[in-house]
């Protein structure tokens, strides 16, 4: 049942995602093609699903009218993956089982495709307010949350800490800050934006942040574990890259067994927080599935 619902939600997101990219003209078409290439490479679509589900759990109605806004978080996530793979960052040649954007297209085009995906969400949110789909106040709040999650206090800041931490041992405290920014900030933004779109009260928003904090860390720990235990066929990208780049992870700091234990504890804590929402059964099941995954 859960798989069927995930497939249905992914189908809704996938159908709309690439249509959001401007076609461009013969002078700019290549950058549009590169953006579509990266968006169409598959993925869990976790972040837009989280936004959608928190919207519904907070009493939101007419979900289909907000599909474009739900997609904004996936546009940002894809931008981050394009940039993460670049030679100046993690220098990965594969993503989701096929060539990274900068390998399929010229490096400068890949960089600009990521840039384009990073700003398009704000155009979509503003257009939604202008068309009366959401209020201007909601648009401002959503923009504030999303921009903060992307910036120095969020994803970009996490990437900086990640790069500066290569070839050095860091404490668990610094690692937690790194992952809360690099991975957790966008997950938190998805949950919080869902609440904001439904005009939820502050109590629900705080619960959403707490849930996202637990889930984000558990999700990243599972990634660290899979980088050691997974295969290229399962993950669609080379394994062992963290060790090769001499990065500190929860596995290197805690060992595989303790990392597994912490992942399970955080997953359960996240699931427990969801009891504060109505109709949270699907998300409870999804939370546990994400932190037990093999890819």
Foldseek 3Di string as FASTA:
>chain_A
DLVVVQVVVVVLLLVCQLVLQDCDDPVLNLLSVLLSVLSNLDDSLVLLVLLLVLLVLLPHPPSSLCSLLSNLLVLLVSLVQLVCCAPVHLVFQWASQHGRSCNVDPNVSSNVSSVVSNPSSLVVLVVCCVVVVAPPVLSVVLVVLSVCCNDCQAQVVLSVLQVVQFPHDDDPVSQLSSQCRNQLSSSLSSNLNSCSRNVHDPVSNVLSNLLSSLLSLLLQLLVVLLLPVAPCVQRSTHHPSCVVRRTDGCCNVPNNVVSLVSSVVSLVVSLVSCVVTPPCVSVNVVSVDSSVDND
